[in-house]
Amino acid sequence: LSATTVGIALGSGSLSGIVGRFLGGSFSDS
């Protein structure tokens, strides 16, 4: 894969990470 493609794929984890951190904060305080 190209460096740009790999960078996009690695960065995609941050999209679900945003959801995970939102849930992680809410779950932790629940």
Full PDB file with SEQRES, HELIX, SHEET, SSBOND, CRYST1, ORIGX, SCALE, CONECT and MASTER records, all heavy atoms in Angstrom:
SEQRES   1 A   30  LEU SER ALA THR THR VAL GLY ILE ALA LEU GLY SER GLY          
SEQRES   2 A   30  SER LEU SER GLY ILE VAL GLY ARG PHE LEU GLY GLY SER          
SEQRES   3 A   30  PHE SER ASP SER                                              
HELIX    1 AA1 ALA A    3  SER A   28  1                                  26    
CRYST1    1.000    1.000    1.000  90.00  90.00  90.00 P 1           1          
ORIGX1      1.000000  0.000000  0.000000        0.00000                         
ORIGX2      0.000000  1.000000  0.000000        0.00000                         
ORIGX3      0.000000  0.000000  1.000000        0.00000                         
SCALE1      1.000000  0.000000  0.000000        0.00000                         
SCALE2      0.000000  1.000000  0.000000        0.00000                         
SCALE3      0.000000  0.000000  1.000000        0.00000                         
ATOM      1  N   LEU A   1       0.842  -1.193   0.000  1.00  0.00           N  
ATOM      2  CA  LEU A   1       0.000   0.000   0.000  1.00  0.00           C  
ATOM      3  C   LEU A   1       0.877   1.243   0.000  1.00  0.00           C  
ATOM      4  O   LEU A   1       2.036   1.214   0.428  1.00  0.00           O  
ATOM      5  CB  LEU A   1      -0.914  -0.007   1.225  1.00  0.00           C  
ATOM      6  CG  LEU A   1      -1.838  -1.230   1.376  1.00  0.00           C  
ATOM      7  CD1 LEU A   1      -2.593  -1.157   2.687  1.00  0.00           C  
ATOM      8  CD2 LEU A   1      -2.809  -1.315   0.208  1.00  0.00           C  
ATOM      9  N   SER A   2       0.344   2.365  -0.470  1.00  0.00           N  
ATOM     10  CA  SER A   2       1.109   3.604  -0.481  1.00  0.00           C  
ATOM     11  C   SER A   2       1.172   4.196   0.923  1.00  0.00           C  
ATOM     12  O   SER A   2       0.355   3.873   1.795  1.00  0.00           O  
ATOM     13  CB  SER A   2       0.469   4.624  -1.422  1.00  0.00           C  
ATOM     14  OG  SER A   2      -0.753   5.100  -0.875  1.00  0.00           O  
ATOM     15  N   ALA A   3       2.150   5.098   1.141  1.00  0.00           N  
ATOM     16  CA  ALA A   3       2.283   5.736   2.449  1.00  0.00           C  
ATOM     17  C   ALA A   3       1.027   6.543   2.790  1.00  0.00           C  
ATOM     18  O   ALA A   3       0.565   6.554   3.934  1.00  0.00           O  
ATOM     19  CB  ALA A   3       3.516   6.636   2.468  1.00  0.00           C  
ATOM     20  N   THR A   4       0.461   7.210   1.795  1.00  0.00           N  
ATOM     21  CA  THR A   4      -0.765   7.982   2.032  1.00  0.00           C  
ATOM     22  C   THR A   4      -1.923   7.074   2.415  1.00  0.00           C  
ATOM     23  O   THR A   4      -2.684   7.368   3.354  1.00  0.00           O  
ATOM     24  CB  THR A   4      -1.139   8.801   0.781  1.00  0.00           C  
ATOM     25  OG1 THR A   4      -0.072   9.687   0.460  1.00  0.00           O  
ATOM     26  CG2 THR A   4      -2.410   9.604   1.022  1.00  0.00           C  
ATOM     27  N   THR A   5      -2.075   5.943   1.708  1.00  0.00           N  
ATOM     28  CA  THR A   5      -3.156   5.005   1.993  1.00  0.00           C  
ATOM     29  C   THR A   5      -3.024   4.430   3.399  1.00  0.00           C  
ATOM     30  O   THR A   5      -4.009   4.332   4.147  1.00  0.00           O  
ATOM     31  CB  THR A   5      -3.149   3.858   0.965  1.00  0.00           C  
ATOM     32  OG1 THR A   5      -3.355   4.401  -0.333  1.00  0.00           O  
ATOM     33  CG2 THR A   5      -4.245   2.849   1.274  1.00  0.00           C  
ATOM     34  N   VAL A   6      -1.804   4.063   3.768  1.00  0.00           N  
ATOM     35  CA  VAL A   6      -1.576   3.527   5.108  1.00  0.00           C  
ATOM     36  C   VAL A   6      -1.843   4.602   6.155  1.00  0.00           C  
ATOM     37  O   VAL A   6      -2.439   4.333   7.203  1.00  0.00           O  
ATOM     38  CB  VAL A   6      -0.143   2.972   5.243  1.00  0.00           C  
ATOM     39  CG1 VAL A   6       0.172   2.609   6.693  1.00  0.00           C  
ATOM     40  CG2 VAL A   6       0.022   1.746   4.351  1.00  0.00           C  
ATOM     41  N   GLY A   7      -1.430   5.835   5.877  1.00  0.00           N  
ATOM     42  CA  GLY A   7      -1.707   6.918   6.807  1.00  0.00           C  
ATOM     43  C   GLY A   7      -3.193   7.136   7.005  1.00  0.00           C  
ATOM     44  O   GLY A   7      -3.662   7.341   8.128  1.00  0.00           O  
ATOM     45  N   ILE A   8      -3.971   7.047   5.908  1.00  0.00           N  
ATOM     46  CA  ILE A   8      -5.434   7.181   6.002  1.00  0.00           C  
ATOM     47  C   ILE A   8      -6.025   6.034   6.824  1.00  0.00           C  
ATOM     48  O   ILE A   8      -6.889   6.245   7.675  1.00  0.00           O  
ATOM     49  CB  ILE A   8      -6.061   7.224   4.603  1.00  0.00           C  
ATOM     50  CG1 ILE A   8      -5.678   8.530   3.897  1.00  0.00           C  
ATOM     51  CG2 ILE A   8      -7.581   7.087   4.672  1.00  0.00           C  
ATOM     52  CD1 ILE A   8      -6.063   8.579   2.429  1.00  0.00           C  
ATOM     53  N   ALA A   9      -5.535   4.815   6.593  1.00  0.00           N  
ATOM     54  CA  ALA A   9      -6.050   3.654   7.322  1.00  0.00           C  
ATOM     55  C   ALA A   9      -5.732   3.756   8.806  1.00  0.00           C  
ATOM     56  O   ALA A   9      -6.596   3.496   9.659  1.00  0.00           O  
ATOM     57  CB  ALA A   9      -5.464   2.368   6.736  1.00  0.00           C  
ATOM     58  N   LEU A  10      -4.479   4.143   9.129  1.00  0.00           N  
ATOM     59  CA  LEU A  10      -4.123   4.303  10.535  1.00  0.00           C  
ATOM     60  C   LEU A  10      -4.935   5.427  11.174  1.00  0.00           C  
ATOM     61  O   LEU A  10      -5.372   5.323  12.327  1.00  0.00           O  
ATOM     62  CB  LEU A  10      -2.630   4.597  10.671  1.00  0.00           C  
ATOM     63  CG  LEU A  10      -1.666   3.473  10.270  1.00  0.00           C  
ATOM     64  CD1 LEU A  10      -0.230   3.950  10.351  1.00  0.00           C  
ATOM     65  CD2 LEU A  10      -1.874   2.235  11.135  1.00  0.00           C  
ATOM     66  N   GLY A  11      -5.157   6.489  10.423  1.00  0.00           N  
ATOM     67  CA  GLY A  11      -5.952   7.590  10.939  1.00  0.00           C  
ATOM     68  C   GLY A  11      -7.416   7.248  11.118  1.00  0.00           C  
ATOM     69  O   GLY A  11      -8.106   7.842  11.946  1.00  0.00           O  
ATOM     70  N   SER A  12      -7.905   6.246  10.344  1.00  0.00           N  
ATOM     71  CA  SER A  12      -9.327   5.868  10.452  1.00  0.00           C  
ATOM     72  C   SER A  12      -9.665   5.343  11.839  1.00  0.00           C  
ATOM     73  O   SER A  12     -10.814   5.458  12.296  1.00  0.00           O  
ATOM     74  CB  SER A  12      -9.670   4.811   9.395  1.00  0.00           C  
ATOM     75  OG  SER A  12      -9.074   3.556   9.700  1.00  0.00           O  
ATOM     76  N   GLY A  13      -8.658   4.762  12.508  1.00  0.00           N  
ATOM     77  CA  GLY A  13      -8.904   4.282  13.866  1.00  0.00           C  
ATOM     78  C   GLY A  13      -9.293   5.396  14.809  1.00  0.00           C  
ATOM     79  O   GLY A  13      -9.956   5.156  15.826  1.00  0.00           O  
ATOM     80  N   SER A  14      -8.892   6.620  14.467  1.00  0.00           N  
ATOM     81  CA  SER A  14      -9.261   7.752  15.306  1.00  0.00           C  
ATOM     82  C   SER A  14     -10.744   8.081  15.210  1.00  0.00           C  
ATOM     83  O   SER A  14     -11.322   8.644  16.141  1.00  0.00           O  
ATOM     84  CB  SER A  14      -8.434   8.975  14.925  1.00  0.00           C  
ATOM     85  OG  SER A  14      -7.077   8.749  15.189  1.00  0.00           O  
ATOM     86  N   LEU A  15     -11.377   7.746  14.074  1.00  0.00           N  
ATOM     87  CA  LEU A  15     -12.821   7.997  13.948  1.00  0.00           C  
ATOM     88  C   LEU A  15     -13.596   7.143  14.941  1.00  0.00           C  
ATOM     89  O   LEU A  15     -14.456   7.633  15.676  1.00  0.00           O  
ATOM     90  CB  LEU A  15     -13.269   7.697  12.513  1.00  0.00           C  
ATOM     91  CG  LEU A  15     -12.695   8.595  11.424  1.00  0.00           C  
ATOM     92  CD1 LEU A  15     -13.123   8.095  10.042  1.00  0.00           C  
ATOM     93  CD2 LEU A  15     -13.150  10.035  11.642  1.00  0.00           C  
ATOM     94  N   SER A  16     -13.292   5.836  14.963  1.00  0.00           N  
ATOM     95  CA  SER A  16     -13.948   4.974  15.946  1.00  0.00           C  
ATOM     96  C   SER A  16     -13.441   5.285  17.349  1.00  0.00           C  
ATOM     97  O   SER A  16     -14.153   5.094  18.343  1.00  0.00           O  
ATOM     98  CB  SER A  16     -13.693   3.501  15.616  1.00  0.00           C  
ATOM     99  OG  SER A  16     -12.312   3.231  15.553  1.00  0.00           O  
ATOM    100  N   GLY A  17     -12.187   5.806  17.428  1.00  0.00           N  
ATOM    101  CA  GLY A  17     -11.667   6.198  18.729  1.00  0.00           C  
ATOM    102  C   GLY A  17     -12.463   7.324  19.354  1.00  0.00           C  
ATOM    103  O   GLY A  17     -12.628   7.383  20.569  1.00  0.00           O  
ATOM    104  N   ILE A  18     -12.971   8.226  18.519  1.00  0.00           N  
ATOM    105  CA  ILE A  18     -13.810   9.306  19.032  1.00  0.00           C  
ATOM    106  C   ILE A  18     -15.073   8.732  19.664  1.00  0.00           C  
ATOM    107  O   ILE A  18     -15.486   9.124  20.759  1.00  0.00           O  
ATOM    108  CB  ILE A  18     -14.155  10.286  17.894  1.00  0.00           C  
ATOM    109  CG1 ILE A  18     -12.899  11.051  17.462  1.00  0.00           C  
ATOM    110  CG2 ILE A  18     -15.254  11.259  18.313  1.00  0.00           C  
ATOM    111  CD1 ILE A  18     -13.071  11.889  16.223  1.00  0.00           C  
ATOM    112  N   VAL A  19     -15.689   7.768  18.962  1.00  0.00           N  
ATOM    113  CA  VAL A  19     -16.875   7.104  19.512  1.00  0.00           C  
ATOM    114  C   VAL A  19     -16.511   6.353  20.793  1.00  0.00           C  
ATOM    115  O   VAL A  19     -17.223   6.419  21.804  1.00  0.00           O  
ATOM    116  CB  VAL A  19     -17.475   6.122  18.477  1.00  0.00           C  
ATOM    117  CG1 VAL A  19     -18.661   5.375  19.066  1.00  0.00           C  
ATOM    118  CG2 VAL A  19     -17.895   6.886  17.220  1.00  0.00           C  
ATOM    119  N   GLY A  20     -15.381   5.627  20.750  1.00  0.00           N  
ATOM    120  CA  GLY A  20     -14.957   4.864  21.922  1.00  0.00           C  
ATOM    121  C   GLY A  20     -14.694   5.741  23.127  1.00  0.00           C  
ATOM    122  O   GLY A  20     -15.055   5.389  24.254  1.00  0.00           O  
ATOM    123  N   ARG A  21     -14.083   6.891  22.917  1.00  0.00           N  
ATOM    124  CA  ARG A  21     -13.794   7.790  24.035  1.00  0.00           C  
ATOM    125  C   ARG A  21     -15.068   8.410  24.589  1.00  0.00           C  
ATOM    126  O   ARG A  21     -15.186   8.608  25.798  1.00  0.00           O  
ATOM    127  CB  ARG A  21     -12.807   8.866  23.577  1.00  0.00           C  
ATOM    128  CG  ARG A  21     -11.390   8.328  23.422  1.00  0.00           C  
ATOM    129  CD  ARG A  21     -10.515   9.266  22.603  1.00  0.00           C  
ATOM    130  NE  ARG A  21      -9.117   8.891  22.619  1.00  0.00           N  
ATOM    131  CZ  ARG A  21      -8.585   7.951  21.837  1.00  0.00           C  
ATOM    132  NH1 ARG A  21      -9.343   7.313  20.951  1.00  0.00           N  
ATOM    133  NH2 ARG A  21      -7.298   7.655  21.917  1.00  0.00           N  
ATOM    134  N   PHE A  22     -16.015   8.703  23.717  1.00  0.00           N  
ATOM    135  CA  PHE A  22     -17.309   9.207  24.184  1.00  0.00           C  
ATOM    136  C   PHE A  22     -17.994   8.155  25.062  1.00  0.00           C  
ATOM    137  O   PHE A  22     -18.453   8.448  26.175  1.00  0.00           O  
ATOM    138  CB  PHE A  22     -18.194   9.560  22.985  1.00  0.00           C  
ATOM    139  CG  PHE A  22     -19.587   9.984  23.360  1.00  0.00           C  
ATOM    140  CD1 PHE A  22     -19.844  11.294  23.727  1.00  0.00           C  
ATOM    141  CD2 PHE A  22     -20.642   9.073  23.351  1.00  0.00           C  
ATOM    142  CE1 PHE A  22     -21.134  11.691  24.086  1.00  0.00           C  
ATOM    143  CE2 PHE A  22     -21.922   9.455  23.710  1.00  0.00           C  
ATOM    144  CZ  PHE A  22     -22.176  10.774  24.079  1.00  0.00           C  
ATOM    145  N   LEU A  23     -18.030   6.916  24.569  1.00  0.00           N  
ATOM    146  CA  LEU A  23     -18.637   5.839  25.352  1.00  0.00           C  
ATOM    147  C   LEU A  23     -17.824   5.546  26.603  1.00  0.00           C  
ATOM    148  O   LEU A  23     -18.393   5.282  27.670  1.00  0.00           O  
ATOM    149  CB  LEU A  23     -18.751   4.573  24.492  1.00  0.00           C  
ATOM    150  CG  LEU A  23     -19.690   4.651  23.283  1.00  0.00           C  
ATOM    151  CD1 LEU A  23     -19.601   3.372  22.461  1.00  0.00           C  
ATOM    152  CD2 LEU A  23     -21.127   4.909  23.729  1.00  0.00           C  
ATOM    153  N   GLY A  24     -16.480   5.586  26.478  1.00  0.00           N  
ATOM    154  CA  GLY A  24     -15.631   5.302  27.621  1.00  0.00           C  
ATOM    155  C   GLY A  24     -15.848   6.284  28.751  1.00  0.00           C  
ATOM    156  O   GLY A  24     -15.894   5.897  29.926  1.00  0.00           O  
ATOM    157  N   GLY A  25     -15.993   7.564  28.425  1.00  0.00           N  
ATOM    158  CA  GLY A  25     -16.255   8.551  29.459  1.00  0.00           C  
ATOM    159  C   GLY A  25     -17.615   8.363  30.100  1.00  0.00           C  
ATOM    160  O   GLY A  25     -17.761   8.424  31.324  1.00  0.00           O  
ATOM    161  N   SER A  26     -18.626   8.118  29.272  1.00  0.00           N  
ATOM    162  CA  SER A  26     -19.986   7.929  29.801  1.00  0.00           C  
ATOM    163  C   SER A  26     -20.074   6.648  30.631  1.00  0.00           C  
ATOM    164  O   SER A  26     -20.661   6.638  31.711  1.00  0.00           O  
ATOM    165  CB  SER A  26     -20.988   7.870  28.642  1.00  0.00           C  
ATOM    166  OG  SER A  26     -20.995   9.081  27.921  1.00  0.00           O  
ATOM    167  N   PHE A  27     -19.503   5.556  30.118  1.00  0.00           N  
ATOM    168  CA  PHE A  27     -19.530   4.287  30.852  1.00  0.00           C  
ATOM    169  C   PHE A  27     -18.782   4.397  32.180  1.00  0.00           C  
ATOM    170  O   PHE A  27     -19.229   3.874  33.201  1.00  0.00           O  
ATOM    171  CB  PHE A  27     -18.900   3.171  30.016  1.00  0.00           C  
ATOM    172  CG  PHE A  27     -19.725   2.724  28.840  1.00  0.00           C  
ATOM    173  CD1 PHE A  27     -19.238   1.781  27.950  1.00  0.00           C  
ATOM    174  CD2 PHE A  27     -20.991   3.242  28.608  1.00  0.00           C  
ATOM    175  CE1 PHE A  27     -19.982   1.357  26.868  1.00  0.00           C  
ATOM    176  CE2 PHE A  27     -21.754   2.835  27.518  1.00  0.00           C  
ATOM    177  CZ  PHE A  27     -21.240   1.889  26.644  1.00  0.00           C  
ATOM    178  N   SER A  28     -17.624   5.075  32.165  1.00  0.00           N  
ATOM    179  CA  SER A  28     -16.809   5.177  33.376  1.00  0.00           C  
ATOM    180  C   SER A  28     -17.530   5.917  34.486  1.00  0.00           C  
ATOM    181  O   SER A  28     -17.371   5.591  35.669  1.00  0.00           O  
ATOM    182  CB  SER A  28     -15.488   5.892  33.063  1.00  0.00           C  
ATOM    183  OG  SER A  28     -14.702   5.138  32.175  1.00  0.00           O  
ATOM    184  N   ASP A  29     -18.328   6.931  34.133  1.00  0.00           N  
ATOM    185  CA  ASP A  29     -19.048   7.719  35.134  1.00  0.00           C  
ATOM    186  C   ASP A  29     -20.441   7.170  35.434  1.00  0.00           C  
ATOM    187  O   ASP A  29     -21.182   7.771  36.217  1.00  0.00           O  
ATOM    188  CB  ASP A  29     -19.171   9.173  34.662  1.00  0.00           C  
ATOM    189  CG  ASP A  29     -17.858   9.930  34.771  1.00  0.00           C  
ATOM    190  OD1 ASP A  29     -16.968   9.466  35.506  1.00  0.00           O  
ATOM    191  OD2 ASP A  29     -17.715  10.983  34.113  1.00  0.00           O  
ATOM    192  N   SER A  30     -20.792   6.045  34.814  1.00  0.00           N  
ATOM    193  CA  SER A  30     -22.119   5.454  35.029  1.00  0.00           C  
ATOM    194  C   SER A  30     -22.080   4.437  36.159  1.00  0.00           C  
ATOM    195  O   SER A  30     -21.234   3.543  36.181  1.00  0.00           O  
ATOM    196  CB  SER A  30     -22.589   4.766  33.745  1.00  0.00           C  
ATOM    197  OG  SER A  30     -23.740   3.984  33.992  1.00  0.00           O  
TER     198      SER A  30                                                      
MASTER        0    0    0    1    0    0    0    6  197    1    0    3          
END                                                                             
